[in-house]
Each structure stands twice: as structure tokens, then as C-alpha cells.
């Protein structure tokens, strides 16, 4: 038992400590089960694009319709669509894929406020996760591109994780499209005027993503990228 474990152990009775240790050990198998289930289902779906964005869009939000249109056009180009499985941008993307007759995948997450899956996901392509880190791996591993719609903390988390993995060459370079030039302008200015100026990133890192305003621009960027490469998994 190391020093940190000793300090924790003294805070609990022997029986309680053993229960904690046992719980942590068995949790590994639950995590493994989520990985196995995700790998098994997603390895069969073929080339896909993951679409991120806010869960707060209502159907009358212009971003909702734009997300739906992007997903529809990508599906017509032969891509499946992967989303977080919930409402808002996720629902719009799954709806676009479903309307186009393509593969519509939802990677849902168990949350305290009980996010429910949307109705446009193919029943055999809905997976519900307990662990964010397992879910985020699936978003990246089985996507040949990211389309990032306006969103909040969760969207930013997924965006910057992908950028970090590409920057550090942990995965191959794949297209990342930020949709909504006005929405993303503040972050882009910060990247250029603060991070780049302070030499926290290289100038080349600013080319890891592409800015678009229309569905046509987003789809064209992904198609142009893969006109030079064979589609393949990122890991």
C-alpha cells in the first residue's frame, strides 16, 4: 500500500476500504465492456462523419436546419453520420442522415438529467455509454471527419481533443470543419492573437481546421480532403 492509499485507508474502516478497492477493480470490466460493445458495433458501419453541436437548438433555430442540411448532403455523398445521440444539433444531424436514407448513429451518454436519445437514430446503431472518455474515443476512432456546429463546453471539449490528437500525431490528420464563421471568430482571434503570439502553438496548427458558413462549403471541404487519400480508420 503506497502513502496515498495509507492516508485514504485511515479515513475508512477496513471493511469500507476493501469495498472501495473491490469497486474500483470491477469497474475496469464495466469500462472494458463499453469499449467492446462500441468497437463491435461501430467497426461495421463504414466511412462516417461525426457532427457535434449544442443540445439546446430548437427546430426553429437556423443552426438546426443547417445541421440537418449538412448531414443530408454528407449522407448523399456516401458517409454515415455519427452524433451524441441527443436533442438539438444531434437530432438535426441524425434527422438529415435518416431523411437521406443513410446510416444514422447515436452515441448517447447517461447523465443526471437523463438525456434521451432522439428518434432518428437507427435502432441497431444506438449505443449508450456511462463514461465520457469511452464515448469520445468512439467519436474519433470511427470518424473520417468532424463537422463542429456552434455549441458549448461539450462541443469545445470534443473539438480541442481532436485538435490535440492530430497536433501530437496520435491520430492521422482528418478534416475538421467549424461551421459559423461569426460564431467561431472570437476563438479564432484568441488562437491567433494570444496562443500563436505567445508561441503556445505553431502557425501550422491553425490549418488543422477549416471555417465554413454553408452546407456546400462543409461537404466540399471533406470531399476535397479525401480526393487525395483513401478513406481509412484514424487508429
Protein backbone atom coordinates (compact mmCIF):
# COMPACT_ATOMS: atom_id res chain seq x y z
CA UNK A 1 0.00 0.00 0.00
CA UNK A 2 1.55 3.35 -1.05
CA UNK A 3 1.47 6.55 1.03
CA UNK A 4 -1.66 7.97 -0.64
CA UNK A 5 -3.52 4.71 -0.14
CA UNK A 6 -2.48 4.68 3.53
CA UNK A 7 -3.91 8.16 4.07
CA UNK A 8 -7.19 7.17 2.42
CA UNK A 9 -7.26 3.86 4.27
CA UNK A 10 -7.05 5.61 7.65
CA UNK A 11 -10.19 7.58 6.76
CA UNK A 12 -12.24 4.41 6.34
CA UNK A 13 -12.89 1.27 8.30
CA UNK A 14 -11.17 -1.85 6.94
CA UNK A 15 -14.42 -3.18 5.52
CA UNK A 16 -15.25 0.10 3.76
CA UNK A 17 -11.73 0.31 2.30
CA UNK A 18 -11.96 -3.20 0.86
CA UNK A 19 -15.33 -2.36 -0.72
CA UNK A 20 -13.82 0.72 -2.38
CA UNK A 21 -10.86 -1.29 -3.70
CA UNK A 22 -13.16 -4.01 -5.00
CA UNK A 23 -15.45 -1.47 -6.68
CA UNK A 24 -12.51 0.13 -8.48
CA UNK A 25 -11.27 -3.26 -9.67
CA UNK A 26 -14.63 -4.39 -11.01
CA UNK A 27 -15.19 -1.02 -12.65
CA UNK A 28 -12.42 -1.95 -15.10
CA UNK A 29 -14.62 -4.70 -16.52
CA UNK A 30 -17.52 -2.30 -17.00
CA UNK A 31 -15.22 0.06 -18.89
CA UNK A 32 -13.92 -2.83 -20.99
CA UNK A 33 -17.47 -3.89 -21.80
CA UNK A 34 -18.27 -0.41 -23.13
CA UNK A 35 -15.18 -0.50 -25.33
CA UNK A 36 -16.01 -3.96 -26.68
CA UNK A 37 -19.64 -3.06 -27.42
CA UNK A 38 -18.62 0.16 -29.17
CA UNK A 39 -15.87 -1.48 -31.23
CA UNK A 40 -18.14 -4.34 -32.22
CA UNK A 41 -20.99 -2.14 -33.48
CA UNK A 42 -19.06 0.74 -35.00
CA UNK A 43 -16.42 -1.27 -36.85
CA UNK A 44 -19.12 -2.38 -39.30
CA UNK A 45 -20.58 0.97 -40.34
CA UNK A 46 -18.04 2.18 -42.90
CA UNK A 47 -16.87 5.78 -43.52
CA UNK A 48 -18.61 8.29 -41.25
CA UNK A 49 -18.53 11.95 -40.27
CA UNK A 50 -19.14 12.95 -36.67
CA UNK A 51 -21.27 16.06 -36.19
CA UNK A 52 -21.07 17.98 -32.92
CA UNK A 53 -23.08 20.95 -31.68
CA UNK A 54 -25.33 22.24 -28.94
CA UNK A 55 -28.10 20.09 -27.49
CA UNK A 56 -30.08 23.31 -26.95
CA UNK A 57 -31.13 24.03 -30.55
CA UNK A 58 -34.86 24.07 -31.12
CA UNK A 59 -36.22 23.18 -34.54
CA UNK A 60 -36.76 26.86 -35.40
CA UNK A 61 -33.08 27.66 -34.78
CA UNK A 62 -31.24 28.36 -38.07
CA UNK A 63 -28.37 26.15 -36.89
CA UNK A 64 -30.79 23.21 -36.58
CA UNK A 65 -31.76 23.42 -40.24
CA UNK A 66 -28.15 23.97 -41.31
CA UNK A 67 -27.01 20.92 -39.35
CA UNK A 68 -29.76 18.83 -40.91
CA UNK A 69 -28.77 20.03 -44.38
CA UNK A 70 -25.08 19.24 -43.84
CA UNK A 71 -25.89 15.74 -42.62
CA UNK A 72 -28.24 15.16 -45.55
CA UNK A 73 -25.63 16.22 -48.10
CA UNK A 74 -22.86 14.21 -46.46
CA UNK A 75 -25.07 11.14 -46.44
CA UNK A 76 -25.79 11.58 -50.14
CA UNK A 77 -22.02 11.58 -50.66
CA UNK A 78 -21.83 8.15 -49.03
CA UNK A 79 -20.91 8.97 -45.43
CA UNK A 80 -22.69 7.71 -42.37
CA UNK A 81 -23.42 10.27 -39.64
CA UNK A 82 -22.35 9.89 -36.01
CA UNK A 83 -23.73 12.14 -33.27
CA UNK A 84 -24.00 12.23 -29.50
CA UNK A 85 -27.49 10.82 -29.87
CA UNK A 86 -29.40 13.55 -28.03
CA UNK A 87 -31.51 16.59 -28.97
CA UNK A 88 -30.56 19.84 -30.72
CA UNK A 89 -27.73 19.59 -33.24
CA UNK A 90 -27.52 15.85 -32.66
CA UNK A 91 -31.17 15.34 -33.51
CA UNK A 92 -30.84 17.56 -36.59
CA UNK A 93 -27.84 15.60 -37.87
CA UNK A 94 -29.48 12.22 -37.31
CA UNK A 95 -32.62 13.52 -38.99
CA UNK A 96 -30.66 14.62 -42.05
CA UNK A 97 -28.99 11.21 -42.31
CA UNK A 98 -32.29 9.38 -41.85
CA UNK A 99 -34.07 11.52 -44.45
CA UNK A 100 -31.28 10.83 -46.95
CA UNK A 101 -31.58 7.08 -46.35
CA UNK A 102 -28.12 6.72 -44.85
CA UNK A 103 -26.57 5.34 -41.70
CA UNK A 104 -27.59 7.29 -38.60
CA UNK A 105 -25.51 6.53 -35.49
CA UNK A 106 -26.11 7.83 -31.97
CA UNK A 107 -23.60 7.57 -29.13
CA UNK A 108 -25.71 8.58 -26.16
CA UNK A 109 -24.48 9.24 -22.61
CA UNK A 110 -26.10 8.55 -19.27
CA UNK A 111 -26.44 11.90 -17.48
CA UNK A 112 -28.04 13.02 -14.19
CA UNK A 113 -30.69 14.98 -16.11
CA UNK A 114 -31.41 11.91 -18.26
CA UNK A 115 -30.56 12.91 -21.82
CA UNK A 116 -32.75 10.72 -24.00
CA UNK A 117 -31.85 9.56 -27.49
CA UNK A 118 -33.53 11.16 -30.49
CA UNK A 119 -35.94 9.30 -32.77
CA UNK A 120 -33.82 9.50 -35.93
CA UNK A 121 -31.09 7.05 -34.89
CA UNK A 122 -31.05 3.60 -36.49
CA UNK A 123 -32.14 1.21 -33.73
CA UNK A 124 -29.15 -1.07 -34.28
CA UNK A 125 -26.75 1.89 -34.18
CA UNK A 126 -27.68 3.39 -30.83
CA UNK A 127 -25.11 2.87 -28.07
CA UNK A 128 -25.46 4.35 -24.59
CA UNK A 129 -22.31 4.98 -22.55
CA UNK A 130 -21.64 5.66 -18.89
CA UNK A 131 -18.15 7.03 -19.48
CA UNK A 132 -17.43 10.20 -21.43
CA UNK A 133 -13.89 9.10 -22.26
CA UNK A 134 -15.07 5.86 -23.89
CA UNK A 135 -17.70 7.75 -25.86
CA UNK A 136 -15.18 10.38 -27.04
CA UNK A 137 -12.85 7.68 -28.27
CA UNK A 138 -15.66 6.24 -30.40
CA UNK A 139 -16.40 9.66 -31.90
CA UNK A 140 -12.83 9.90 -33.11
CA UNK A 141 -11.91 6.32 -33.90
CA UNK A 142 -14.74 5.72 -36.34
CA UNK A 143 -14.99 9.16 -37.97
CA UNK A 144 -13.30 10.28 -41.15
CA UNK A 145 -14.14 13.90 -40.39
CA UNK A 146 -15.66 16.26 -37.83
CA UNK A 147 -18.26 18.91 -38.50
CA UNK A 148 -18.43 21.22 -35.49
CA UNK A 149 -21.56 23.35 -35.22
CA UNK A 150 -21.94 26.17 -32.66
CA UNK A 151 -22.08 24.70 -29.17
CA UNK A 152 -20.95 24.97 -25.58
CA UNK A 153 -18.44 23.32 -23.27
CA UNK A 154 -19.08 19.79 -24.53
CA UNK A 155 -18.62 20.83 -28.16
CA UNK A 156 -15.40 22.67 -27.31
CA UNK A 157 -14.13 19.67 -25.35
CA UNK A 158 -14.64 17.36 -28.32
CA UNK A 159 -13.15 19.87 -30.77
CA UNK A 160 -9.96 20.53 -28.81
CA UNK A 161 -9.42 16.86 -28.02
CA UNK A 162 -9.45 16.10 -31.75
CA UNK A 163 -7.11 19.02 -32.48
CA UNK A 164 -4.72 17.83 -29.75
CA UNK A 165 -4.68 14.26 -31.05
CA UNK A 166 -3.90 15.44 -34.58
CA UNK A 167 -1.35 18.01 -33.41
CA UNK A 168 0.53 15.37 -31.40
CA UNK A 169 0.21 12.81 -34.22
CA UNK A 170 -1.66 10.34 -32.04
CA UNK A 171 -4.15 10.03 -34.90
CA UNK A 172 -3.94 10.76 -38.59
CA UNK A 173 -4.90 14.16 -39.91
CA UNK A 174 -8.57 14.28 -40.89
CA UNK A 175 -10.80 17.22 -41.86
CA UNK A 176 -12.35 19.34 -39.11
CA UNK A 177 -14.91 21.90 -40.26
CA UNK A 178 -16.09 24.68 -37.95
CA UNK A 179 -19.46 25.90 -39.20
CA UNK A 180 -20.45 29.50 -38.48
CA UNK A 181 -17.60 31.93 -39.12
CA UNK A 182 -19.15 34.64 -36.93
CA UNK A 183 -19.74 32.22 -34.06
CA UNK A 184 -16.17 30.90 -34.07
CA UNK A 185 -14.46 34.23 -34.79
CA UNK A 186 -13.74 35.03 -31.14
CA UNK A 187 -11.93 31.73 -30.54
CA UNK A 188 -10.03 32.02 -33.83
CA UNK A 189 -8.88 35.53 -32.89
CA UNK A 190 -7.73 34.22 -29.50
CA UNK A 191 -5.81 31.37 -31.12
CA UNK A 192 -4.06 33.80 -33.47
CA UNK A 193 -3.54 36.78 -31.19
CA UNK A 194 -2.79 35.00 -27.92
CA UNK A 195 -1.74 31.38 -28.36
CA UNK A 196 0.24 31.92 -31.56
CA UNK A 197 1.62 35.26 -30.40
CA UNK A 198 2.80 33.67 -27.14
CA UNK A 199 4.26 30.72 -29.12
CA UNK A 200 1.96 28.22 -27.42
CA UNK A 201 1.06 26.78 -30.84
CA UNK A 202 2.72 26.77 -34.26
CA UNK A 203 1.37 28.65 -37.26
CA UNK A 204 0.69 25.31 -38.97
CA UNK A 205 -1.73 24.38 -36.17
CA UNK A 206 -4.15 27.00 -37.47
CA UNK A 207 -4.56 24.88 -40.60
CA UNK A 208 -5.86 21.85 -38.67
CA UNK A 209 -9.41 23.14 -39.12
CA UNK A 210 -11.46 24.86 -41.82
CA UNK A 211 -14.13 27.54 -41.44
CA UNK A 212 -17.40 27.33 -43.38
CA UNK A 213 -20.75 29.07 -43.42
CA UNK A 214 -22.78 26.81 -45.72
CA UNK A 215 -23.54 23.12 -46.06
CA UNK A 216 -21.97 23.15 -49.52
CA UNK A 217 -18.69 24.54 -48.17
CA UNK A 218 -18.54 21.99 -45.35
CA UNK A 219 -19.24 18.99 -47.58
CA UNK A 220 -16.88 20.19 -50.31
CA UNK A 221 -14.00 20.54 -47.84
CA UNK A 222 -14.41 16.95 -46.65
CA UNK A 223 -14.77 15.62 -50.20
CA UNK A 224 -11.73 17.60 -51.38
CA UNK A 225 -9.67 16.24 -48.50
CA UNK A 226 -10.48 12.65 -49.36
CA UNK A 227 -9.96 13.15 -53.08
CA UNK A 228 -6.27 12.89 -52.19
CA UNK A 229 -6.44 9.97 -49.77
CA UNK A 230 -8.06 6.59 -49.34
CA UNK A 231 -10.62 6.52 -46.55
CA UNK A 232 -9.32 4.64 -43.54
CA UNK A 233 -9.82 4.48 -39.76
CA UNK A 234 -7.91 7.01 -37.67
CA UNK A 235 -6.26 4.48 -35.33
